[in-house]
């Protein structure tokens, strides 16, 4: 890769890092939210879902317009909105206002992720794209290693508002990073997408069977991936015996594993094909999902082995999955498709969180019940995702 490509990927990874930390930090703070606001598991799942549902709606709207603008301009506007939304979360005094603030943040943050992936796809050729996405998506791992544990420490030491204040301040600084370090990216405007009617951009996605298959693939994959995530931390605390500070170990060790393995998944996907690597990673993810959702009261080390294995294979399969998704559409329509895909992704996250929230119950002794049923659902969806992935086709010029 050239120096310009590396610099661009570093900037995009930094933005993605903050976006992911902002979304992820809600889950390990679940027990605190349930205590502070005196809410049930179902109400807690709405905090997660509010962000995702808002991102779903915003992504559908942006899909009609996003290819009309320079990628740099889109990144600037969305990052500013994300910054403001995160800071509003930090000062929300009640459960209801926190829900509204999470919805505001999701409207900008969810679309921001789609534009980041569209930018990578525009700049990096298909034969090197999975590797590049592996590096950008390593921000998830770095968020797990550094961002989430730091946020947990800030919340445990000060208050739950502290992580959002820090994320908002850093996001404000990245606005300047985008302005000075990201070049103008207008090549996609030459393909005609900028002059299409707004509804045509959305209609083009809905009429393309290959793109619809990719959207179905995204929906099923996220149901098989995210349904167990919102309650991993609460389950480890209420059922396995983790303390507030020990929850950070889950994200630190899991992040270290994925920092090493996620770029490897990208290189393997470029060499052997993303569909093959996705199927292999998904197969091993089935065992990790079962282990986590059926974990009894075990030692800290054994519990961390189970969670780290899930981080490695379940997160690693997202790299080839993203590479396959970007190859079903030509560059001039990629921004619109990625926005719609981002919306479907966020809708899947919200749906997975709501479904798991209604399945999981709080037992009289304070532990969580019915979590294994969430795991069985995730396993079934993961198997179905493997089947659908075989139907995706690479289009000419992707």
Protein backbone atom coordinates (compact mmCIF):
# COMPACT_ATOMS: atom_id res chain seq x y z
CA UNK A 1 0.00 0.00 0.00
CA UNK A 2 1.11 3.57 -0.65
CA UNK A 3 1.72 6.13 2.07
CA UNK A 4 -1.43 8.04 1.10
CA UNK A 5 -3.52 4.88 1.37
CA UNK A 6 -2.01 4.05 4.77
CA UNK A 7 -2.67 7.58 6.07
CA UNK A 8 -6.27 7.48 4.85
CA UNK A 9 -6.84 4.08 6.45
CA UNK A 10 -5.40 5.33 9.76
CA UNK A 11 -7.75 8.31 9.79
CA UNK A 12 -10.77 6.18 8.92
CA UNK A 13 -9.78 3.61 11.53
CA UNK A 14 -9.58 6.36 14.17
CA UNK A 15 -13.08 7.58 13.34
CA UNK A 16 -14.36 4.02 13.32
CA UNK A 17 -12.67 3.40 16.67
CA UNK A 18 -14.61 6.19 18.38
CA UNK A 19 -17.86 5.18 16.71
CA UNK A 20 -17.44 1.58 17.88
CA UNK A 21 -16.45 2.51 21.44
CA UNK A 22 -19.51 4.76 21.68
CA UNK A 23 -21.77 1.90 20.61
CA UNK A 24 -20.01 -0.88 22.55
CA UNK A 25 -19.63 0.92 25.88
CA UNK A 26 -23.38 0.58 26.53
CA UNK A 27 -23.18 -3.23 26.86
CA UNK A 28 -20.58 -3.57 29.66
CA UNK A 29 -22.33 -0.78 31.56
CA UNK A 30 -25.63 -2.69 31.44
CA UNK A 31 -25.62 -3.59 35.11
CA UNK A 32 -24.95 0.05 36.05
CA UNK A 33 -27.79 1.34 33.87
CA UNK A 34 -30.16 -1.21 35.39
CA UNK A 35 -29.13 -0.08 38.89
CA UNK A 36 -28.96 3.70 38.34
CA UNK A 37 -32.16 4.06 36.31
CA UNK A 38 -33.90 1.09 38.01
CA UNK A 39 -34.84 -0.52 34.70
CA UNK A 40 -35.47 -4.13 33.62
CA UNK A 41 -33.43 -6.15 31.09
CA UNK A 42 -36.09 -5.31 28.49
CA UNK A 43 -35.76 -1.57 29.15
CA UNK A 44 -31.98 -1.84 29.03
CA UNK A 45 -32.19 -3.52 25.61
CA UNK A 46 -34.13 -0.45 24.40
CA UNK A 47 -31.09 1.74 25.16
CA UNK A 48 -29.12 -0.39 22.70
CA UNK A 49 -31.98 -0.59 20.21
CA UNK A 50 -32.67 3.17 20.18
CA UNK A 51 -29.24 3.79 18.63
CA UNK A 52 -29.65 1.00 16.08
CA UNK A 53 -33.22 1.84 15.01
CA UNK A 54 -32.28 5.48 14.51
CA UNK A 55 -29.24 4.48 12.46
CA UNK A 56 -31.50 2.23 10.37
CA UNK A 57 -33.86 5.09 9.47
CA UNK A 58 -31.03 7.58 8.88
CA UNK A 59 -29.24 5.12 6.63
CA UNK A 60 -32.30 4.68 4.42
CA UNK A 61 -32.64 8.45 4.03
CA UNK A 62 -28.92 8.98 3.37
CA UNK A 63 -28.94 6.21 0.75
CA UNK A 64 -30.98 8.51 -1.49
CA UNK A 65 -28.44 11.33 -1.32
CA UNK A 66 -25.04 10.10 -0.14
CA UNK A 67 -23.58 9.46 -3.62
CA UNK A 68 -24.26 13.10 -4.58
CA UNK A 69 -21.49 14.37 -2.31
CA UNK A 70 -17.76 14.19 -1.86
CA UNK A 71 -16.92 11.46 0.64
CA UNK A 72 -14.85 13.96 2.66
CA UNK A 73 -17.78 16.36 3.04
CA UNK A 74 -20.04 13.51 4.12
CA UNK A 75 -17.50 12.37 6.71
CA UNK A 76 -17.21 15.90 8.15
CA UNK A 77 -20.96 16.48 8.53
CA UNK A 78 -21.65 13.05 9.98
CA UNK A 79 -18.74 13.24 12.43
CA UNK A 80 -19.92 16.61 13.75
CA UNK A 81 -23.41 15.22 14.31
CA UNK A 82 -22.00 12.14 16.00
CA UNK A 83 -19.93 14.35 18.32
CA UNK A 84 -22.92 16.41 19.39
CA UNK A 85 -25.05 13.31 19.97
CA UNK A 86 -22.42 11.68 22.18
CA UNK A 87 -22.04 14.81 24.31
CA UNK A 88 -25.83 14.99 24.77
CA UNK A 89 -25.73 11.37 26.05
CA UNK A 90 -23.23 12.45 28.71
CA UNK A 91 -25.60 15.07 30.17
CA UNK A 92 -28.87 13.09 29.92
CA UNK A 93 -30.45 13.19 33.41
CA UNK A 94 -33.12 10.49 32.92
CA UNK A 95 -33.76 7.19 31.18
CA UNK A 96 -36.13 8.78 28.66
CA UNK A 97 -33.70 11.54 27.68
CA UNK A 98 -30.89 9.00 27.40
CA UNK A 99 -33.01 7.03 24.91
CA UNK A 100 -33.51 10.20 22.85
CA UNK A 101 -29.80 11.03 22.98
CA UNK A 102 -28.84 7.52 21.84
CA UNK A 103 -31.25 7.88 18.93
CA UNK A 104 -29.61 11.17 17.94
CA UNK A 105 -26.13 9.63 18.11
CA UNK A 106 -27.23 6.62 16.08
CA UNK A 107 -28.63 8.78 13.29
CA UNK A 108 -25.14 10.12 12.57
CA UNK A 109 -22.90 7.34 13.90
CA UNK A 110 -24.56 4.51 11.99
CA UNK A 111 -24.36 6.36 8.67
CA UNK A 112 -20.77 7.34 9.44
CA UNK A 113 -19.75 3.69 9.45
CA UNK A 114 -21.32 3.14 6.00
CA UNK A 115 -19.48 6.11 4.49
CA UNK A 116 -16.18 4.87 5.95
CA UNK A 117 -16.60 1.49 4.23
CA UNK A 118 -17.71 3.12 0.97
CA UNK A 119 -14.58 5.30 1.09
CA UNK A 120 -12.31 2.30 1.56
CA UNK A 121 -14.05 0.51 -1.31
CA UNK A 122 -13.62 3.53 -3.62
CA UNK A 123 -9.91 3.89 -2.92
CA UNK A 124 -8.68 0.29 -2.60
CA UNK A 125 -8.99 -2.18 -5.53
CA UNK A 126 -10.98 -5.37 -4.98
CA UNK A 127 -7.90 -7.61 -4.98
CA UNK A 128 -6.52 -5.72 -1.94
CA UNK A 129 -9.79 -4.61 -0.38
CA UNK A 130 -10.26 -7.34 2.24
CA UNK A 131 -6.77 -6.63 3.59
CA UNK A 132 -7.50 -2.89 3.80
CA UNK A 133 -10.84 -3.53 5.49
CA UNK A 134 -9.11 -5.87 7.89
CA UNK A 135 -6.91 -2.98 9.01
CA UNK A 136 -9.81 -0.50 9.31
CA UNK A 137 -11.95 -3.06 11.12
CA UNK A 138 -9.07 -3.69 13.52
CA UNK A 139 -10.41 -0.53 15.15
CA UNK A 140 -13.00 -2.88 16.69
CA UNK A 141 -10.17 -4.79 18.34
CA UNK A 142 -8.40 -1.64 19.50
CA UNK A 143 -11.71 -0.41 20.88
CA UNK A 144 -11.98 -3.66 22.83
CA UNK A 145 -8.38 -3.53 24.08
CA UNK A 146 -8.14 0.16 24.94
CA UNK A 147 -11.42 2.00 24.45
CA UNK A 148 -13.99 -0.14 26.24
CA UNK A 149 -11.78 -1.07 29.25
CA UNK A 150 -10.88 2.60 29.66
CA UNK A 151 -14.57 3.51 29.49
CA UNK A 152 -15.40 0.83 32.07
CA UNK A 153 -12.68 2.18 34.37
CA UNK A 154 -13.95 5.77 33.97
CA UNK A 155 -17.53 4.67 34.67
CA UNK A 156 -16.54 2.58 37.72
CA UNK A 157 -14.27 5.33 39.09
CA UNK A 158 -16.37 8.41 38.33
CA UNK A 159 -19.80 7.86 36.76
CA UNK A 160 -21.42 6.35 33.68
CA UNK A 161 -21.36 9.78 32.02
CA UNK A 162 -17.54 9.98 32.00
CA UNK A 163 -16.92 7.69 28.98
CA UNK A 164 -19.32 9.69 26.81
CA UNK A 165 -17.63 12.97 27.74
CA UNK A 166 -14.24 11.60 26.72
CA UNK A 167 -15.53 10.05 23.47
CA UNK A 168 -17.28 13.30 22.56
CA UNK A 169 -14.12 15.34 23.15
CA UNK A 170 -12.00 12.99 21.03
CA UNK A 171 -14.61 12.92 18.26
CA UNK A 172 -14.48 16.73 18.20
CA UNK A 173 -10.72 16.53 17.58
CA UNK A 174 -11.11 14.02 14.75
CA UNK A 175 -13.20 16.57 12.87
CA UNK A 176 -9.99 18.56 12.33
CA UNK A 177 -8.20 15.35 11.37
CA UNK A 178 -10.74 14.73 8.61
CA UNK A 179 -10.49 18.32 7.38
CA UNK A 180 -6.70 18.36 7.08
CA UNK A 181 -5.78 14.71 6.39
CA UNK A 182 -8.56 13.28 4.19
CA UNK A 183 -8.34 14.26 0.49
CA UNK A 184 -11.33 15.16 -1.65
CA UNK A 185 -12.87 11.92 -2.96
CA UNK A 186 -15.13 12.63 -5.92
CA UNK A 187 -14.36 9.85 -8.38
CA UNK A 188 -17.68 8.12 -7.68
CA UNK A 189 -19.48 11.26 -8.91
CA UNK A 190 -18.37 10.54 -12.49
CA UNK A 191 -20.52 7.40 -12.71
CA UNK A 192 -23.88 9.20 -12.86
CA UNK A 193 -24.98 8.57 -9.29
CA UNK A 194 -24.77 12.26 -8.44
CA UNK A 195 -27.45 13.14 -11.01
CA UNK A 196 -29.90 10.35 -10.26
CA UNK A 197 -33.26 11.05 -8.63
CA UNK A 198 -33.05 10.41 -4.87
CA UNK A 199 -35.65 7.64 -5.01
CA UNK A 200 -33.88 6.07 -7.97
CA UNK A 201 -30.79 5.38 -5.85
CA UNK A 202 -32.92 3.48 -3.34
CA UNK A 203 -34.93 1.80 -6.08
CA UNK A 204 -31.79 0.55 -7.82
CA UNK A 205 -30.86 -1.33 -4.68
CA UNK A 206 -34.32 -2.80 -4.24
CA UNK A 207 -34.50 -4.01 -7.88
CA UNK A 208 -31.11 -5.75 -7.86
CA UNK A 209 -31.46 -9.37 -6.77
CA UNK A 210 -27.76 -9.67 -5.94
CA UNK A 211 -27.86 -6.61 -3.70
CA UNK A 212 -31.04 -7.84 -2.02
CA UNK A 213 -29.30 -11.15 -1.33
CA UNK A 214 -26.40 -9.21 0.23
CA UNK A 215 -28.87 -7.33 2.44
CA UNK A 216 -30.52 -10.59 3.54
CA UNK A 217 -27.05 -11.96 4.25
CA UNK A 218 -26.32 -8.92 6.45
CA UNK A 219 -29.61 -9.29 8.34
CA UNK A 220 -29.13 -12.97 9.11
CA UNK A 221 -25.45 -12.60 9.98
CA UNK A 222 -26.10 -9.85 12.51
CA UNK A 223 -28.90 -11.84 14.12
CA UNK A 224 -26.41 -14.65 14.52
CA UNK A 225 -23.71 -12.35 15.83
CA UNK A 226 -25.26 -9.61 17.92
CA UNK A 227 -28.12 -11.36 19.68
CA UNK A 228 -25.82 -12.67 22.43
CA UNK A 229 -23.60 -9.57 22.77
CA UNK A 230 -25.80 -7.15 24.81
CA UNK A 231 -26.03 -9.61 27.70
CA UNK A 232 -22.49 -11.03 27.70
CA UNK A 233 -21.30 -8.56 30.35
CA UNK A 234 -24.44 -8.70 32.56
CA UNK A 235 -24.43 -12.52 32.33
CA UNK A 236 -20.77 -12.67 33.35
CA UNK A 237 -21.52 -10.45 36.33
CA UNK A 238 -24.83 -11.88 37.53
CA UNK A 239 -24.24 -15.55 36.68
CA UNK A 240 -20.49 -16.17 36.51
CA UNK A 241 -19.38 -13.76 39.25
CA UNK A 242 -17.39 -10.99 37.51
CA UNK A 243 -17.00 -7.63 39.27
CA UNK A 244 -17.48 -4.24 37.59
CA UNK A 245 -13.73 -3.91 37.03
CA UNK A 246 -13.23 -7.53 35.89
CA UNK A 247 -15.66 -6.99 33.00
CA UNK A 248 -12.88 -4.97 31.35
CA UNK A 249 -10.82 -8.19 31.06
CA UNK A 250 -13.36 -9.58 28.57
CA UNK A 251 -12.82 -6.72 26.14
CA UNK A 252 -9.09 -6.37 26.75
CA UNK A 253 -8.21 -10.01 26.07
CA UNK A 254 -10.77 -10.39 23.32
CA UNK A 255 -9.45 -7.25 21.66
CA UNK A 256 -5.83 -8.40 21.84
CA UNK A 257 -6.75 -11.64 20.11
CA UNK A 258 -8.63 -9.87 17.33
CA UNK A 259 -5.92 -7.22 16.84
CA UNK A 260 -3.64 -10.09 15.85
CA UNK A 261 -6.15 -12.19 13.94
CA UNK A 262 -8.38 -9.69 12.11
CA UNK A 263 -5.72 -8.54 9.59
CA UNK A 264 -4.91 -12.22 9.10
CA UNK A 265 -8.53 -12.92 8.21
CA UNK A 266 -8.27 -10.14 5.61
CA UNK A 267 -5.12 -11.59 4.02
CA UNK A 268 -6.57 -15.11 4.03
CA UNK A 269 -9.74 -13.79 2.38
CA UNK A 270 -7.72 -12.13 -0.39
CA UNK A 271 -5.76 -15.33 -0.95
CA UNK A 272 -8.38 -18.06 -0.65
CA UNK A 273 -11.60 -16.15 -1.24
CA UNK A 274 -13.80 -14.37 1.31
CA UNK A 275 -16.68 -16.89 1.03
CA UNK A 276 -14.44 -19.79 2.04
CA UNK A 277 -12.86 -17.94 4.99
CA UNK A 278 -16.27 -16.68 6.12
CA UNK A 279 -17.66 -20.21 6.21
CA UNK A 280 -14.66 -21.51 8.16
CA UNK A 281 -14.78 -18.71 10.75
CA UNK A 282 -18.55 -19.07 11.11
CA UNK A 283 -18.22 -22.80 11.75
CA UNK A 284 -15.89 -22.24 14.71
CA UNK A 285 -18.11 -19.39 15.94
CA UNK A 286 -20.89 -21.91 16.58
CA UNK A 287 -18.89 -23.54 19.37
CA UNK A 288 -17.99 -20.19 20.97
CA UNK A 289 -21.62 -19.06 20.98
CA UNK A 290 -22.73 -22.27 22.68
CA UNK A 291 -19.95 -22.03 25.28
CA UNK A 292 -20.70 -18.43 26.27
CA UNK A 293 -24.48 -18.77 26.54
CA UNK A 294 -24.30 -22.00 28.55
CA UNK A 295 -21.42 -21.02 30.85
CA UNK A 296 -21.97 -22.01 34.52
CA UNK A 297 -20.20 -20.45 37.51
CA UNK A 298 -16.59 -21.17 36.46
CA UNK A 299 -13.16 -19.69 37.08
CA UNK A 300 -12.23 -16.30 35.65
CA UNK A 301 -9.63 -17.85 33.33
CA UNK A 302 -12.03 -20.37 31.80
CA UNK A 303 -14.71 -17.75 31.29
CA UNK A 304 -12.22 -15.43 29.54
CA UNK A 305 -11.14 -18.27 27.23
CA UNK A 306 -14.77 -18.67 26.13
CA UNK A 307 -15.35 -14.95 25.53
CA UNK A 308 -12.00 -14.43 23.76
CA UNK A 309 -12.70 -17.28 21.35
CA UNK A 310 -15.97 -15.59 20.40
CA UNK A 311 -14.24 -12.26 19.80
CA UNK A 312 -11.69 -13.96 17.54
CA UNK A 313 -13.89 -16.01 15.21
CA UNK A 314 -17.21 -14.14 15.36
CA UNK A 315 -15.56 -10.77 14.75
CA UNK A 316 -13.07 -12.18 12.26
CA UNK A 317 -15.85 -13.47 10.01
CA UNK A 318 -17.07 -9.90 9.58
CA UNK A 319 -13.98 -9.03 7.50
CA UNK A 320 -14.71 -11.44 4.60
CA UNK A 321 -18.43 -10.69 5.00
CA UNK A 322 -17.78 -6.98 4.41
CA UNK A 323 -15.52 -7.72 1.43
CA UNK A 324 -18.25 -9.84 -0.15
CA UNK A 325 -20.84 -7.13 0.42
CA UNK A 326 -18.80 -4.38 -1.28
CA UNK A 327 -18.32 -6.55 -4.39
CA UNK A 328 -22.02 -6.81 -5.29
CA UNK A 329 -22.29 -3.20 -6.53
CA UNK A 330 -20.41 -0.84 -8.86
CA UNK A 331 -18.52 2.18 -7.38
CA UNK A 332 -21.00 4.85 -8.58
CA UNK A 333 -23.77 3.17 -6.56
CA UNK A 334 -21.65 1.90 -3.68
CA UNK A 335 -22.39 4.77 -1.30
CA UNK A 336 -26.13 4.26 -1.66
CA UNK A 337 -25.86 0.51 -1.27
CA UNK A 338 -23.55 0.75 1.74
CA UNK A 339 -25.97 3.19 3.37
CA UNK A 340 -28.86 0.79 2.83
CA UNK A 341 -26.68 -2.06 4.03
CA UNK A 342 -25.74 0.01 7.07
CA UNK A 343 -29.44 0.56 7.74
CA UNK A 344 -30.18 -3.15 7.47
CA UNK A 345 -27.20 -3.82 9.72
CA UNK A 346 -28.47 -1.38 12.35
CA UNK A 347 -32.01 -2.75 12.08
CA UNK A 348 -30.56 -6.21 12.65
CA UNK A 349 -28.69 -5.00 15.73
CA UNK A 350 -31.84 -3.41 17.12
CA UNK A 351 -33.93 -6.48 16.35
CA UNK A 352 -31.33 -8.81 17.86
CA UNK A 353 -31.16 -6.70 21.00
CA UNK A 354 -34.93 -6.55 21.36
CA UNK A 355 -35.36 -10.29 20.79
CA UNK A 356 -32.66 -11.20 23.30
CA UNK A 357 -34.11 -8.65 25.74
CA UNK A 358 -37.51 -10.35 25.61
CA UNK A 359 -36.01 -13.84 25.92
CA UNK A 360 -33.66 -13.13 28.84
CA UNK A 361 -35.31 -12.78 32.26
CA UNK A 362 -34.04 -11.83 35.69
CA UNK A 363 -34.37 -14.65 38.21
CA UNK A 364 -35.39 -14.06 41.85
CA UNK A 365 -31.78 -14.63 42.96
CA UNK A 366 -30.55 -11.83 40.67
CA UNK A 367 -29.09 -14.06 37.96
CA UNK A 368 -30.17 -13.98 34.31
CA UNK A 369 -32.25 -16.82 32.87
CA UNK A 370 -33.03 -18.14 29.37
CA UNK A 371 -29.68 -16.96 27.95
CA UNK A 372 -29.02 -20.42 26.37
CA UNK A 373 -32.10 -19.94 24.18
CA UNK A 374 -30.53 -16.75 22.80
CA UNK A 375 -27.45 -18.81 21.96
CA UNK A 376 -29.49 -21.42 20.08
CA UNK A 377 -31.08 -18.64 18.02
CA UNK A 378 -27.65 -17.19 17.20
CA UNK A 379 -26.35 -20.61 16.14
CA UNK A 380 -29.30 -21.17 13.79
CA UNK A 381 -28.86 -17.73 12.19
CA UNK A 382 -25.11 -18.28 11.77
CA UNK A 383 -25.69 -21.53 9.87
CA UNK A 384 -28.26 -19.82 7.64
CA UNK A 385 -25.77 -16.99 6.93
CA UNK A 386 -23.26 -19.53 5.58
CA UNK A 387 -25.89 -20.85 3.16
CA UNK A 388 -26.86 -17.37 1.91
CA UNK A 389 -23.21 -16.29 1.48
CA UNK A 390 -22.81 -18.89 -1.29
CA UNK A 391 -25.37 -17.01 -3.40
CA UNK A 392 -23.52 -13.66 -3.52
CA UNK A 393 -21.98 -12.76 -6.90
CA UNK A 394 -19.16 -10.32 -7.70
CA UNK A 395 -20.27 -7.73 -10.29
CA UNK A 396 -18.08 -6.40 -13.08
CA UNK A 397 -16.20 -3.26 -12.09
CA UNK A 398 -16.69 -3.78 -8.36
